[in-house]
Structures are given as structure tokens and as C-alpha cells.
Amino acid sequence: MQNNTFSTLFVGQNLIKLSSVDSTNNYLKNMASNFEPLTEGTVIMADNQFAGRGQQENIWHTEPGKNLTFSIYLCPRFLSPVNQFSLNMIISLAICNALARFLPERPQIKWPNDIYYNRKKLGGILIENSISGNQLKSSIIGIGLNVNQQIFDTQIQSKAISMNQILHHDVNKLEVLAQICRGIEQYYLNLKANKIQVIKEDYIKNLFKYQTEALFKVQGQEFRGTISDVDDNGLLNVSCLNGQIKKFSFKEIEFLD
């Protein structure tokens, strides 16, 4: 369906709402395979995503009808695969900016792209890129946000938070989606204009635990350090107490506090 309520050029203008689907990323992936060309900026939104996925095949649990679970189709052919982490940066920043319009405090980005609020997880992102030669052919960006859910599974209750729990009232999901789509489009166009350095600086400033001494665990060993940077490949740079700087890729390091 065409959605004229979003004040965007293309992100979210082709909005498809589903009552139930295994994964919005899977659905969009199938659409991209079967419909050529698929309109860039197409958004698939589902009330119930019963097999949502997070990073490294983690499962994203969500109460049907309560939260935002959606995927966006982009074609960043202007971007080299070596710079694909910049997509993580712009999506994370766009979500933080959008949610800051609704919440009393600004959310933060827990590297690489979880959305945190007061040390609890508010949302997550899964980006699946298709690479052809030396360019990104397409990107399917899955986003899950805890919006109106009030009770979580006991295993994650202490680690998760929703907008409803913060504000103590329900939030209009389409309004949140509209703000996110506007933000993603703006950052995407900035990325297309090669403003990567400005985007990176903004991303690092919004990192959870940035320039704050924290406790980490790597291969069963705990150590204290300070997040100092994220390099162009998306590796997390941590300054140890002995002055050594160590770099970590996804899932190599665990945040303990």
C-alpha cells in the first residue's frame, strides 16, 4: 500500500502491513528475489513476527501487536563492501534520534547496533547485505523495538525495557515508524553524499559506555577498559588499563556492567 502520511521521499512510501509472518527480513528477501526491481525504501511491517532473528541467529521475542517489527529494503550500490558498517551506524543513529522525540532521555547505541535506554535493551537491528563484486547490491534492514509491551519473559525481564514502561502509557507505533523512516532517509542521503566521517563521529558519541571505564569479558577472562573508538571495519577499540588498545569483532566481547 502507498503510504502518504510519511513525509519522506522514498523510505516507507511503499508500506506493506502484515498480520503475521515468520520474519519480516525473510519476507522482504523473498520479495526482492521474486519482484524485480523492488522499490527502494519498501517497508514490511508485521503485527506478529513469530520467528524474528537478531544478530548471530539470536531469537527476537515480541508480544503480538505490541511492538514495532519491520524491515526496510535499500540499494546502497554507491557503498563499497569495506564500508558496509556505515549502514549499522546510520540506522542506529536514526533510531536514537527518532526515539529521543518521544522519551525523556536520549537512548544510546550498545555496539554494534543494539538500542539501549537506562542500561536496558529497547531495540535491536539485523542488517543482511547482498554483495555483488565490489559493491553492495542491496541491504535488508530488520528492526525490532519494544514499544507497548509491559511484561517480558522472565529470562529477559531485567534486561529489556519498552517505551510504555518508560512513559507509562501506550505509544502510537505508526508515529514512531514515521520518525524512524524520516531519520533513516536523512542519514542514508548523507551517507550517499560521502559524509561518512561526520556520521562516524556522531555514532561514537552516542555509544553506550563510550569513554567510561567498564568491565568486559573476552574468552572467559574479565578485564576493565574504556571504549575509545570504532574503526572503519566496525571493530570495537577498547583501551585497557595498561594502555594497550585491543580490537574486537561482533560477539568477541561481552559487556558485564
Foldseek 3Di string as FASTA:
>chain_A
DADPVFPDDFACRQEAEEAEDQAQLVVVVVCPVVDPNDGANYKYWYQYHNAYAAPPRHGDDDDGNQWTKMKGKHFPQVDFPLQVLLLLLQLQVLLQVLVVVPAPDTWFAAPPHFTHDPQATFKGKDKDFDDDDGGTGMIMIIIIGRAGDDDDDPVRRVRHDYVCNRVVDHDDRVSSVSSSSRSSNVVSVCVSVVVSVVSQVVNLVRYDQAQHWFWKDAPRDIFIWHFDGADSNRWTWTQGPVRDIDTHDPPRMGGDD
